């Protein structure tokens, strides 16, 4: 249960991050609320607040905690539910196809600029597999994801995501410590599941929890390459997919500016890591990853896969 001060901090971050600018500078917010720095750090490390590129926003799973006291949150969750139904129908009609924001605005009967916050949270729920970097552009679009077919409502998606963050891992696999303590998180406890990317939680964690460690590791790598395909609309796999997606000359995804030497090196290095993961984990997993894989080792693979998935998710999509 969050105390009143925590709820107040979260409400301020929500309002600031969903304003017309859609940007809440983390440094400025911390300076303005310097008397609560330890509390803010705790809320960040506990997964209530996300700090992405120096900008604060609330995690989707945090919203129900402040919905009763924040009418704007209730309105946003209703918008997400409305968008879920429209995007689900769009996927059923044309699987994998783009839908322009102009068309989405007409179907939702909502001005385009009022869709942005809802789309960002819909994307966090992995219900959108890709979108244009600038949603305000005339040709802006989103790509509905297959996950829309696995649920009947946005509310059920959100409840499932919250159950992942609450369910203690020790009940599923007693060989893994339920919480891991990281000094760089300010001494706050962080659960194993909080270290995992949503796509790894969806595709690999259930098998890990059931004790199928070999399949969990294999599926975590498969999920990474599927995430690349979703964001790029490419159909290749393995080396070919990595080469096309992160090409230095005609990339579909870029991690940073590749006009500089350091940017090119980062792009090339990440390509090598992905290729290594495919060759060294996915392929051998299908044949020689034996049953003596320990729960701790499997957990480390899933955390590694989550790091790769996070970089892919944050990569900028380049239209071809």
C-alpha atoms as a PDB file:
ATOM      1  CA  UNK A   1       0.000   0.000   0.000  1.00  0.00           C
ATOM      2  CA  UNK A   2       1.426   3.357  -1.039  1.00  0.00           C
ATOM      3  CA  UNK A   3       1.378   6.221   1.439  1.00  0.00           C
ATOM      4  CA  UNK A   4      -0.128   9.597   0.628  1.00  0.00           C
ATOM      5  CA  UNK A   5       3.224  11.237  -0.150  1.00  0.00           C
ATOM      6  CA  UNK A   6       4.107   8.505  -2.645  1.00  0.00           C
ATOM      7  CA  UNK A   7       0.729   8.840  -4.352  1.00  0.00           C
ATOM      8  CA  UNK A   8       1.197  12.613  -4.573  1.00  0.00           C
ATOM      9  CA  UNK A   9       4.632  12.191  -6.197  1.00  0.00           C
ATOM     10  CA  UNK A  10       3.248   9.643  -8.672  1.00  0.00           C
ATOM     11  CA  UNK A  11       0.287  11.864  -9.539  1.00  0.00           C
ATOM     12  CA  UNK A  12       2.592  14.793 -10.297  1.00  0.00           C
ATOM     13  CA  UNK A  13       4.760  12.638 -12.547  1.00  0.00           C
ATOM     14  CA  UNK A  14       1.719  11.293 -14.374  1.00  0.00           C
ATOM     15  CA  UNK A  15       0.280  14.744 -15.012  1.00  0.00           C
ATOM     16  CA  UNK A  16       3.655  16.110 -16.119  1.00  0.00           C
ATOM     17  CA  UNK A  17       4.493  13.204 -18.428  1.00  0.00           C
ATOM     18  CA  UNK A  18       1.088  13.150 -20.124  1.00  0.00           C
ATOM     19  CA  UNK A  19       0.821  16.892 -20.652  1.00  0.00           C
ATOM     20  CA  UNK A  20       0.870  18.440 -24.112  1.00  0.00           C
ATOM     21  CA  UNK A  21       4.679  18.246 -24.218  1.00  0.00           C
ATOM     22  CA  UNK A  22       4.694  14.544 -23.169  1.00  0.00           C
ATOM     23  CA  UNK A  23       8.066  15.166 -21.495  1.00  0.00           C
ATOM     24  CA  UNK A  24       8.929  15.419 -17.797  1.00  0.00           C
ATOM     25  CA  UNK A  25      12.584  16.226 -17.200  1.00  0.00           C
ATOM     26  CA  UNK A  26      13.798  13.964 -14.396  1.00  0.00           C
ATOM     27  CA  UNK A  27      16.544  16.298 -13.153  1.00  0.00           C
ATOM     28  CA  UNK A  28      14.192  19.266 -12.948  1.00  0.00           C
ATOM     29  CA  UNK A  29      11.530  17.210 -11.168  1.00  0.00           C
ATOM     30  CA  UNK A  30      14.061  15.928  -8.641  1.00  0.00           C
ATOM     31  CA  UNK A  31      15.295  19.450  -7.984  1.00  0.00           C
ATOM     32  CA  UNK A  32      11.760  20.724  -7.477  1.00  0.00           C
ATOM     33  CA  UNK A  33      11.044  17.875  -5.037  1.00  0.00           C
ATOM     34  CA  UNK A  34      14.481  17.585  -3.450  1.00  0.00           C
ATOM     35  CA  UNK A  35      12.980  16.950  -0.012  1.00  0.00           C
ATOM     36  CA  UNK A  36      11.680  13.588  -1.323  1.00  0.00           C
ATOM     37  CA  UNK A  37      14.745  12.325  -3.225  1.00  0.00           C
ATOM     38  CA  UNK A  38      15.013   9.079  -1.252  1.00  0.00           C
ATOM     39  CA  UNK A  39      11.328   8.372  -1.819  1.00  0.00           C
ATOM     40  CA  UNK A  40      11.639   9.090  -5.541  1.00  0.00           C
ATOM     41  CA  UNK A  41      14.648   6.751  -5.775  1.00  0.00           C
ATOM     42  CA  UNK A  42      12.651   4.073  -3.982  1.00  0.00           C
ATOM     43  CA  UNK A  43       9.717   4.464  -6.366  1.00  0.00           C
ATOM     44  CA  UNK A  44      12.066   4.212  -9.348  1.00  0.00           C
ATOM     45  CA  UNK A  45      13.854   1.096  -8.078  1.00  0.00           C
ATOM     46  CA  UNK A  46      10.542  -0.522  -7.095  1.00  0.00           C
ATOM     47  CA  UNK A  47       9.273  -0.183 -10.672  1.00  0.00           C
ATOM     48  CA  UNK A  48       6.621   2.492 -10.154  1.00  0.00           C
ATOM     49  CA  UNK A  49       8.519   5.192 -12.072  1.00  0.00           C
ATOM     50  CA  UNK A  50      10.493   4.769 -15.285  1.00  0.00           C
ATOM     51  CA  UNK A  51      13.463   6.980 -16.125  1.00  0.00           C
ATOM     52  CA  UNK A  52      14.049   6.785 -19.862  1.00  0.00           C
ATOM     53  CA  UNK A  53      16.704   9.056 -21.326  1.00  0.00           C
ATOM     54  CA  UNK A  54      16.391  11.493 -18.431  1.00  0.00           C
ATOM     55  CA  UNK A  55      12.591  11.698 -18.637  1.00  0.00           C
ATOM     56  CA  UNK A  56      10.221  10.460 -15.936  1.00  0.00           C
ATOM     57  CA  UNK A  57       6.979   8.620 -16.621  1.00  0.00           C
ATOM     58  CA  UNK A  58       4.866   6.088 -14.753  1.00  0.00           C
ATOM     59  CA  UNK A  59       4.930   2.404 -15.575  1.00  0.00           C
ATOM     60  CA  UNK A  60       1.636   1.088 -16.872  1.00  0.00           C
ATOM     61  CA  UNK A  61       1.346  -1.239 -13.864  1.00  0.00           C
ATOM     62  CA  UNK A  62       1.456   1.817 -11.567  1.00  0.00           C
ATOM     63  CA  UNK A  63      -1.644   3.499 -12.965  1.00  0.00           C
ATOM     64  CA  UNK A  64      -4.277   1.485 -11.022  1.00  0.00           C
ATOM     65  CA  UNK A  65      -2.558   2.512  -7.774  1.00  0.00           C
ATOM     66  CA  UNK A  66      -3.459   6.155  -8.357  1.00  0.00           C
ATOM     67  CA  UNK A  67      -6.595   5.798 -10.480  1.00  0.00           C
ATOM     68  CA  UNK A  68      -9.010   6.424  -7.608  1.00  0.00           C
ATOM     69  CA  UNK A  69      -7.382   9.739  -6.738  1.00  0.00           C
ATOM     70  CA  UNK A  70      -6.499  10.851 -10.270  1.00  0.00           C
ATOM     71  CA  UNK A  71      -9.410  11.244 -12.719  1.00  0.00           C
ATOM     72  CA  UNK A  72      -6.977  11.676 -15.617  1.00  0.00           C
ATOM     73  CA  UNK A  73      -5.702   8.132 -15.019  1.00  0.00           C
ATOM     74  CA  UNK A  74      -9.196   6.665 -15.211  1.00  0.00           C
ATOM     75  CA  UNK A  75      -9.739   8.532 -18.471  1.00  0.00           C
ATOM     76  CA  UNK A  76      -6.442   7.240 -19.871  1.00  0.00           C
ATOM     77  CA  UNK A  77      -7.270   3.633 -18.951  1.00  0.00           C
ATOM     78  CA  UNK A  78     -10.636   4.003 -20.693  1.00  0.00           C
ATOM     79  CA  UNK A  79      -8.789   5.322 -23.753  1.00  0.00           C
ATOM     80  CA  UNK A  80      -6.431   2.324 -23.684  1.00  0.00           C
ATOM     81  CA  UNK A  81      -9.433  -0.012 -23.519  1.00  0.00           C
ATOM     82  CA  UNK A  82     -11.008   1.795 -26.483  1.00  0.00           C
ATOM     83  CA  UNK A  83      -7.771   1.593 -28.481  1.00  0.00           C
ATOM     84  CA  UNK A  84      -7.399  -2.097 -27.600  1.00  0.00           C
ATOM     85  CA  UNK A  85     -10.723  -2.932 -29.252  1.00  0.00           C
ATOM     86  CA  UNK A  86      -9.934  -0.924 -32.384  1.00  0.00           C
ATOM     87  CA  UNK A  87      -6.402  -2.294 -32.744  1.00  0.00           C
ATOM     88  CA  UNK A  88      -7.610  -5.842 -32.155  1.00  0.00           C
ATOM     89  CA  UNK A  89     -10.146  -5.527 -34.953  1.00  0.00           C
ATOM     90  CA  UNK A  90      -7.491  -3.988 -37.200  1.00  0.00           C
ATOM     91  CA  UNK A  91      -5.169  -6.930 -36.572  1.00  0.00           C
ATOM     92  CA  UNK A  92      -7.932  -9.467 -37.220  1.00  0.00           C
ATOM     93  CA  UNK A  93      -8.712  -7.749 -40.507  1.00  0.00           C
ATOM     94  CA  UNK A  94      -5.130  -7.170 -41.691  1.00  0.00           C
ATOM     95  CA  UNK A  95      -2.575  -9.041 -39.521  1.00  0.00           C
ATOM     96  CA  UNK A  96       0.788  -7.298 -39.354  1.00  0.00           C
ATOM     97  CA  UNK A  97      -0.351  -4.269 -41.350  1.00  0.00           C
ATOM     98  CA  UNK A  98       0.192  -0.638 -40.374  1.00  0.00           C
ATOM     99  CA  UNK A  99      -2.685   1.582 -39.377  1.00  0.00           C
ATOM    100  CA  UNK A 100      -2.216   5.318 -39.793  1.00  0.00           C
ATOM    101  CA  UNK A 101      -2.911   7.600 -36.862  1.00  0.00           C
ATOM    102  CA  UNK A 102      -5.314   9.546 -39.054  1.00  0.00           C
ATOM    103  CA  UNK A 103      -7.373   6.404 -39.594  1.00  0.00           C
ATOM    104  CA  UNK A 104      -7.051   5.396 -35.951  1.00  0.00           C
ATOM    105  CA  UNK A 105      -8.254   8.857 -34.935  1.00  0.00           C
ATOM    106  CA  UNK A 106     -11.335   8.502 -37.132  1.00  0.00           C
ATOM    107  CA  UNK A 107     -12.135   5.012 -35.856  1.00  0.00           C
ATOM    108  CA  UNK A 108     -11.705   6.104 -32.245  1.00  0.00           C
ATOM    109  CA  UNK A 109     -13.541   9.398 -32.855  1.00  0.00           C
ATOM    110  CA  UNK A 110     -10.793  11.149 -30.898  1.00  0.00           C
ATOM    111  CA  UNK A 111      -8.420  13.917 -32.071  1.00  0.00           C
ATOM    112  CA  UNK A 112      -5.059  12.491 -33.070  1.00  0.00           C
ATOM    113  CA  UNK A 113      -3.060  14.434 -30.481  1.00  0.00           C
ATOM    114  CA  UNK A 114      -5.216  12.960 -27.705  1.00  0.00           C
ATOM    115  CA  UNK A 115      -4.203   9.423 -28.686  1.00  0.00           C
ATOM    116  CA  UNK A 116      -0.491   9.748 -27.930  1.00  0.00           C
ATOM    117  CA  UNK A 117      -0.458   8.893 -24.215  1.00  0.00           C
ATOM    118  CA  UNK A 118      -2.790   5.940 -24.753  1.00  0.00           C
ATOM    119  CA  UNK A 119      -0.621   4.621 -27.569  1.00  0.00           C
ATOM    120  CA  UNK A 120       2.515   4.836 -25.455  1.00  0.00           C
ATOM    121  CA  UNK A 121       0.946   2.723 -22.725  1.00  0.00           C
ATOM    122  CA  UNK A 122      -0.541   0.361 -25.299  1.00  0.00           C
ATOM    123  CA  UNK A 123       2.983  -0.073 -26.656  1.00  0.00           C
ATOM    124  CA  UNK A 124       4.320  -0.747 -23.142  1.00  0.00           C
ATOM    125  CA  UNK A 125       1.786  -3.568 -22.913  1.00  0.00           C
ATOM    126  CA  UNK A 126       3.335  -5.045 -26.113  1.00  0.00           C
ATOM    127  CA  UNK A 127       0.044  -4.585 -27.975  1.00  0.00           C
ATOM    128  CA  UNK A 128       1.819  -2.475 -30.603  1.00  0.00           C
ATOM    129  CA  UNK A 129       4.849  -3.960 -32.297  1.00  0.00           C
ATOM    130  CA  UNK A 130       6.100  -0.765 -33.956  1.00  0.00           C
ATOM    131  CA  UNK A 131       5.352   2.876 -34.633  1.00  0.00           C
ATOM    132  CA  UNK A 132       6.825   5.941 -36.274  1.00  0.00           C
ATOM    133  CA  UNK A 133       9.241   7.864 -34.089  1.00  0.00           C
ATOM    134  CA  UNK A 134       7.294  11.093 -34.515  1.00  0.00           C
ATOM    135  CA  UNK A 135       3.636  10.348 -33.833  1.00  0.00           C
ATOM    136  CA  UNK A 136       2.713  13.906 -34.799  1.00  0.00           C
ATOM    137  CA  UNK A 137       3.981  13.419 -38.367  1.00  0.00           C
ATOM    138  CA  UNK A 138       1.418  13.459 -41.169  1.00  0.00           C
ATOM    139  CA  UNK A 139       2.269   9.877 -42.124  1.00  0.00           C
ATOM    140  CA  UNK A 140       2.483   8.558 -38.542  1.00  0.00           C
ATOM    141  CA  UNK A 141       1.328   4.972 -38.005  1.00  0.00           C
ATOM    142  CA  UNK A 142       1.315   2.103 -35.531  1.00  0.00           C
ATOM    143  CA  UNK A 143       1.510  -1.650 -36.097  1.00  0.00           C
ATOM    144  CA  UNK A 144      -0.893  -3.763 -33.995  1.00  0.00           C
ATOM    145  CA  UNK A 145       0.728  -6.839 -32.409  1.00  0.00           C
ATOM    146  CA  UNK A 146      -0.482 -10.440 -32.306  1.00  0.00           C
ATOM    147  CA  UNK A 147      -0.692 -10.227 -28.506  1.00  0.00           C
ATOM    148  CA  UNK A 148      -4.002  -8.417 -29.016  1.00  0.00           C
ATOM    149  CA  UNK A 149      -5.513 -11.791 -29.929  1.00  0.00           C
ATOM    150  CA  UNK A 150      -4.401 -13.424 -26.682  1.00  0.00           C
ATOM    151  CA  UNK A 151      -6.659 -11.259 -24.510  1.00  0.00           C
ATOM    152  CA  UNK A 152     -10.238 -10.057 -24.584  1.00  0.00           C
ATOM    153  CA  UNK A 153      -9.634  -6.640 -23.042  1.00  0.00           C
ATOM    154  CA  UNK A 154      -6.943  -4.162 -22.046  1.00  0.00           C
ATOM    155  CA  UNK A 155      -8.013  -4.581 -18.433  1.00  0.00           C
ATOM    156  CA  UNK A 156      -7.086  -8.272 -18.544  1.00  0.00           C
ATOM    157  CA  UNK A 157      -3.698  -7.413 -20.062  1.00  0.00           C
ATOM    158  CA  UNK A 158      -3.047  -4.940 -17.278  1.00  0.00           C
ATOM    159  CA  UNK A 159      -4.133  -7.388 -14.577  1.00  0.00           C
ATOM    160  CA  UNK A 160      -1.787 -10.006 -16.010  1.00  0.00           C
ATOM    161  CA  UNK A 161       1.118  -7.549 -16.058  1.00  0.00           C
ATOM    162  CA  UNK A 162       0.444  -6.574 -12.439  1.00  0.00           C
ATOM    163  CA  UNK A 163       0.336 -10.231 -11.412  1.00  0.00           C
ATOM    164  CA  UNK A 164       3.804 -10.684 -12.881  1.00  0.00           C
ATOM    165  CA  UNK A 165       5.188  -7.877 -10.753  1.00  0.00           C
ATOM    166  CA  UNK A 166       3.479  -9.074  -7.568  1.00  0.00           C
ATOM    167  CA  UNK A 167       3.801 -12.867  -7.753  1.00  0.00           C
ATOM    168  CA  UNK A 168       6.834 -13.997  -5.694  1.00  0.00           C
ATOM    169  CA  UNK A 169       9.256 -16.034  -7.785  1.00  0.00           C
ATOM    170  CA  UNK A 170      10.123 -18.262  -4.807  1.00  0.00           C
ATOM    171  CA  UNK A 171       6.681 -19.869  -5.010  1.00  0.00           C
ATOM    172  CA  UNK A 172       7.414 -20.891  -8.570  1.00  0.00           C
ATOM    173  CA  UNK A 173      11.014 -21.977  -8.213  1.00  0.00           C
ATOM    174  CA  UNK A 174      12.387 -22.287  -4.659  1.00  0.00           C
ATOM    175  CA  UNK A 175      15.960 -22.509  -5.922  1.00  0.00           C
ATOM    176  CA  UNK A 176      15.895 -18.828  -6.877  1.00  0.00           C
ATOM    177  CA  UNK A 177      16.035 -16.211  -4.145  1.00  0.00           C
ATOM    178  CA  UNK A 178      12.729 -14.275  -4.169  1.00  0.00           C
ATOM    179  CA  UNK A 179      14.504 -10.905  -4.047  1.00  0.00           C
ATOM    180  CA  UNK A 180      17.932  -9.792  -5.105  1.00  0.00           C
ATOM    181  CA  UNK A 181      19.547  -6.829  -3.403  1.00  0.00           C
ATOM    182  CA  UNK A 182      21.536  -4.469  -5.638  1.00  0.00           C
ATOM    183  CA  UNK A 183      23.536  -1.677  -3.990  1.00  0.00           C
ATOM    184  CA  UNK A 184      23.264   0.487  -7.102  1.00  0.00           C
ATOM    185  CA  UNK A 185      19.487   0.470  -6.622  1.00  0.00           C
ATOM    186  CA  UNK A 186      19.914   2.275  -3.328  1.00  0.00           C
ATOM    187  CA  UNK A 187      19.598  -0.880  -1.239  1.00  0.00           C
ATOM    188  CA  UNK A 188      15.998  -1.522  -2.249  1.00  0.00           C
ATOM    189  CA  UNK A 189      14.943  -5.069  -2.986  1.00  0.00           C
ATOM    190  CA  UNK A 190      14.373  -5.949  -6.627  1.00  0.00           C
ATOM    191  CA  UNK A 191      12.578  -9.131  -7.646  1.00  0.00           C
ATOM    192  CA  UNK A 192      13.868 -11.399 -10.373  1.00  0.00           C
ATOM    193  CA  UNK A 193      10.829 -10.616 -12.508  1.00  0.00           C
ATOM    194  CA  UNK A 194      11.502  -6.882 -12.322  1.00  0.00           C
ATOM    195  CA  UNK A 195      14.781  -7.552 -14.139  1.00  0.00           C
ATOM    196  CA  UNK A 196      12.972  -9.133 -17.080  1.00  0.00           C
ATOM    197  CA  UNK A 197      11.629  -7.427 -20.186  1.00  0.00           C
ATOM    198  CA  UNK A 198       7.867  -7.934 -20.821  1.00  0.00           C
ATOM    199  CA  UNK A 199       8.486 -10.048 -23.931  1.00  0.00           C
ATOM    200  CA  UNK A 200      10.763 -12.387 -21.927  1.00  0.00           C
ATOM    201  CA  UNK A 201       8.164 -12.555 -19.165  1.00  0.00           C
ATOM    202  CA  UNK A 202       5.516 -13.486 -21.702  1.00  0.00           C
ATOM    203  CA  UNK A 203       7.434 -16.038 -23.758  1.00  0.00           C
ATOM    204  CA  UNK A 204      10.074 -17.533 -21.443  1.00  0.00           C
ATOM    205  CA  UNK A 205       9.196 -16.990 -17.779  1.00  0.00           C
ATOM    206  CA  UNK A 206       6.225 -19.415 -17.687  1.00  0.00           C
ATOM    207  CA  UNK A 207       8.476 -22.284 -18.803  1.00  0.00           C
ATOM    208  CA  UNK A 208      11.146 -21.193 -16.330  1.00  0.00           C
ATOM    209  CA  UNK A 209       8.564 -21.203 -13.516  1.00  0.00           C
ATOM    210  CA  UNK A 210       7.424 -24.692 -14.551  1.00  0.00           C
ATOM    211  CA  UNK A 211      11.009 -25.944 -14.339  1.00  0.00           C
ATOM    212  CA  UNK A 212      11.566 -26.258 -18.110  1.00  0.00           C
ATOM    213  CA  UNK A 213      14.848 -24.347 -17.967  1.00  0.00           C
ATOM    214  CA  UNK A 214      16.244 -25.471 -21.320  1.00  0.00           C
ATOM    215  CA  UNK A 215      13.114 -24.394 -23.193  1.00  0.00           C
ATOM    216  CA  UNK A 216      12.916 -21.128 -21.245  1.00  0.00           C
ATOM    217  CA  UNK A 217      16.412 -20.124 -22.372  1.00  0.00           C
ATOM    218  CA  UNK A 218      15.705 -21.135 -25.970  1.00  0.00           C
ATOM    219  CA  UNK A 219      12.420 -19.228 -26.030  1.00  0.00           C
ATOM    220  CA  UNK A 220      14.026 -16.107 -24.583  1.00  0.00           C
ATOM    221  CA  UNK A 221      16.327 -15.863 -27.606  1.00  0.00           C
ATOM    222  CA  UNK A 222      13.532 -16.712 -30.030  1.00  0.00           C
ATOM    223  CA  UNK A 223      11.486 -13.889 -28.457  1.00  0.00           C
ATOM    224  CA  UNK A 224      14.305 -11.395 -29.106  1.00  0.00           C
ATOM    225  CA  UNK A 225      14.405 -12.151 -32.815  1.00  0.00           C
ATOM    226  CA  UNK A 226      10.617 -12.083 -33.031  1.00  0.00           C
ATOM    227  CA  UNK A 227      10.706  -8.620 -31.436  1.00  0.00           C
ATOM    228  CA  UNK A 228      13.117  -7.476 -34.167  1.00  0.00           C
ATOM    229  CA  UNK A 229      10.774  -8.833 -36.846  1.00  0.00           C
ATOM    230  CA  UNK A 230       7.798  -7.077 -35.276  1.00  0.00           C
ATOM    231  CA  UNK A 231       9.565  -3.724 -35.211  1.00  0.00           C
ATOM    232  CA  UNK A 232      11.068  -3.992 -38.713  1.00  0.00           C
ATOM    233  CA  UNK A 233       8.477  -6.100 -40.602  1.00  0.00           C
ATOM    234  CA  UNK A 234      11.360  -8.187 -41.910  1.00  0.00           C
ATOM    235  CA  UNK A 235      10.879 -11.934 -42.374  1.00  0.00           C
ATOM    236  CA  UNK A 236      14.472 -13.177 -42.124  1.00  0.00           C
ATOM    237  CA  UNK A 237      16.025 -14.909 -39.114  1.00  0.00           C
ATOM    238  CA  UNK A 238      19.444 -15.219 -37.540  1.00  0.00           C
ATOM    239  CA  UNK A 239      22.422 -13.470 -39.151  1.00  0.00           C
ATOM    240  CA  UNK A 240      20.385 -12.240 -42.127  1.00  0.00           C
ATOM    241  CA  UNK A 241      17.804 -10.594 -39.879  1.00  0.00           C
ATOM    242  CA  UNK A 242      20.448  -8.910 -37.736  1.00  0.00           C
ATOM    243  CA  UNK A 243      22.371  -7.738 -40.801  1.00  0.00           C
ATOM    244  CA  UNK A 244      19.322  -6.160 -42.417  1.00  0.00           C
ATOM    245  CA  UNK A 245      17.786  -4.720 -39.268  1.00  0.00           C
ATOM    246  CA  UNK A 246      20.961  -3.017 -38.016  1.00  0.00           C
ATOM    247  CA  UNK A 247      22.705  -2.367 -41.330  1.00  0.00           C
ATOM    248  CA  UNK A 248      25.065   0.605 -41.265  1.00  0.00           C
ATOM    249  CA  UNK A 249      24.028   1.690 -44.767  1.00  0.00           C
ATOM    250  CA  UNK A 250      20.262   1.022 -44.817  1.00  0.00           C
ATOM    251  CA  UNK A 251      19.198   0.260 -41.246  1.00  0.00           C
ATOM    252  CA  UNK A 252      15.664  -0.515 -40.093  1.00  0.00           C
ATOM    253  CA  UNK A 253      16.677   0.058 -36.463  1.00  0.00           C
ATOM    254  CA  UNK A 254      19.359   2.303 -35.001  1.00  0.00           C
ATOM    255  CA  UNK A 255      20.576   2.422 -31.427  1.00  0.00           C
ATOM    256  CA  UNK A 256      22.023   5.921 -31.676  1.00  0.00           C
ATOM    257  CA  UNK A 257      23.274   8.299 -34.320  1.00  0.00           C
ATOM    258  CA  UNK A 258      25.281   6.202 -36.773  1.00  0.00           C
ATOM    259  CA  UNK A 259      26.793   9.202 -38.526  1.00  0.00           C
ATOM    260  CA  UNK A 260      29.543   9.237 -35.897  1.00  0.00           C
ATOM    261  CA  UNK A 261      32.292   6.649 -35.486  1.00  0.00           C
ATOM    262  CA  UNK A 262      31.195   5.860 -31.937  1.00  0.00           C
ATOM    263  CA  UNK A 263      27.603   5.366 -33.120  1.00  0.00           C
ATOM    264  CA  UNK A 264      28.720   3.002 -35.870  1.00  0.00           C
ATOM    265  CA  UNK A 265      30.829   1.042 -33.385  1.00  0.00           C
ATOM    266  CA  UNK A 266      27.874   0.716 -31.025  1.00  0.00           C
ATOM    267  CA  UNK A 267      25.657  -0.507 -33.867  1.00  0.00           C
ATOM    268  CA  UNK A 268      28.277  -3.022 -35.045  1.00  0.00           C
ATOM    269  CA  UNK A 269      28.950  -4.217 -31.515  1.00  0.00           C
ATOM    270  CA  UNK A 270      25.279  -4.854 -30.853  1.00  0.00           C
ATOM    271  CA  UNK A 271      24.988  -6.769 -34.122  1.00  0.00           C
ATOM    272  CA  UNK A 272      27.847  -8.989 -32.991  1.00  0.00           C
ATOM    273  CA  UNK A 273      26.191  -9.589 -29.629  1.00  0.00           C
ATOM    274  CA  UNK A 274      22.905 -10.565 -31.287  1.00  0.00           C
ATOM    275  CA  UNK A 275      24.664 -12.838 -33.766  1.00  0.00           C
ATOM    276  CA  UNK A 276      26.574 -14.443 -30.908  1.00  0.00           C
ATOM    277  CA  UNK A 277      23.381 -14.981 -28.933  1.00  0.00           C
ATOM    278  CA  UNK A 278      21.782 -16.660 -31.941  1.00  0.00           C
ATOM    279  CA  UNK A 279      24.774 -18.857 -32.736  1.00  0.00           C
ATOM    280  CA  UNK A 280      25.944 -19.549 -29.194  1.00  0.00           C
ATOM    281  CA  UNK A 281      22.656 -19.900 -27.316  1.00  0.00           C
ATOM    282  CA  UNK A 282      19.715 -20.488 -29.630  1.00  0.00           C
ATOM    283  CA  UNK A 283      21.243 -23.048 -31.984  1.00  0.00           C
ATOM    284  CA  UNK A 284      23.121 -25.084 -29.341  1.00  0.00           C
ATOM    285  CA  UNK A 285      20.068 -24.891 -27.072  1.00  0.00           C
ATOM    286  CA  UNK A 286      18.117 -26.993 -29.514  1.00  0.00           C
ATOM    287  CA  UNK A 287      20.681 -29.792 -29.371  1.00  0.00           C
ATOM    288  CA  UNK A 288      23.190 -29.639 -26.537  1.00  0.00           C
ATOM    289  CA  UNK A 289      21.869 -27.482 -23.674  1.00  0.00           C
ATOM    290  CA  UNK A 290      21.553 -30.389 -21.264  1.00  0.00           C
ATOM    291  CA  UNK A 291      19.418 -30.896 -18.199  1.00  0.00           C
ATOM    292  CA  UNK A 292      22.152 -29.920 -15.723  1.00  0.00           C
ATOM    293  CA  UNK A 293      21.383 -26.237 -16.429  1.00  0.00           C
ATOM    294  CA  UNK A 294      20.712 -24.754 -12.987  1.00  0.00           C
ATOM    295  CA  UNK A 295      17.856 -22.356 -12.171  1.00  0.00           C
ATOM    296  CA  UNK A 296      20.396 -19.633 -11.436  1.00  0.00           C
ATOM    297  CA  UNK A 297      22.153 -20.098 -14.779  1.00  0.00           C
ATOM    298  CA  UNK A 298      18.824 -20.095 -16.624  1.00  0.00           C
ATOM    299  CA  UNK A 299      17.810 -16.931 -14.761  1.00  0.00           C
ATOM    300  CA  UNK A 300      21.037 -15.250 -15.875  1.00  0.00           C
ATOM    301  CA  UNK A 301      20.245 -16.133 -19.503  1.00  0.00           C
ATOM    302  CA  UNK A 302      16.779 -14.593 -19.148  1.00  0.00           C
ATOM    303  CA  UNK A 303      18.198 -11.390 -17.671  1.00  0.00           C
ATOM    304  CA  UNK A 304      20.736 -11.213 -20.523  1.00  0.00           C
ATOM    305  CA  UNK A 305      17.944 -11.702 -23.072  1.00  0.00           C
ATOM    306  CA  UNK A 306      15.954  -8.958 -21.340  1.00  0.00           C
ATOM    307  CA  UNK A 307      18.827  -6.517 -21.736  1.00  0.00           C
ATOM    308  CA  UNK A 308      18.938  -7.236 -25.472  1.00  0.00           C
ATOM    309  CA  UNK A 309      15.151  -6.888 -25.739  1.00  0.00           C
ATOM    310  CA  UNK A 310      15.279  -3.545 -23.939  1.00  0.00           C
ATOM    311  CA  UNK A 311      17.837  -2.166 -26.395  1.00  0.00           C
ATOM    312  CA  UNK A 312      15.767  -3.392 -29.329  1.00  0.00           C
ATOM    313  CA  UNK A 313      12.594  -1.847 -27.905  1.00  0.00           C
ATOM    314  CA  UNK A 314      14.282   1.530 -27.459  1.00  0.00           C
ATOM    315  CA  UNK A 315      15.878   1.479 -30.907  1.00  0.00           C
ATOM    316  CA  UNK A 316      14.647   4.057 -33.397  1.00  0.00           C
ATOM    317  CA  UNK A 317      12.594   2.614 -36.263  1.00  0.00           C
ATOM    318  CA  UNK A 318      13.692   3.836 -39.700  1.00  0.00           C
ATOM    319  CA  UNK A 319      11.020   3.674 -42.383  1.00  0.00           C
ATOM    320  CA  UNK A 320      12.150   1.998 -45.580  1.00  0.00           C
END
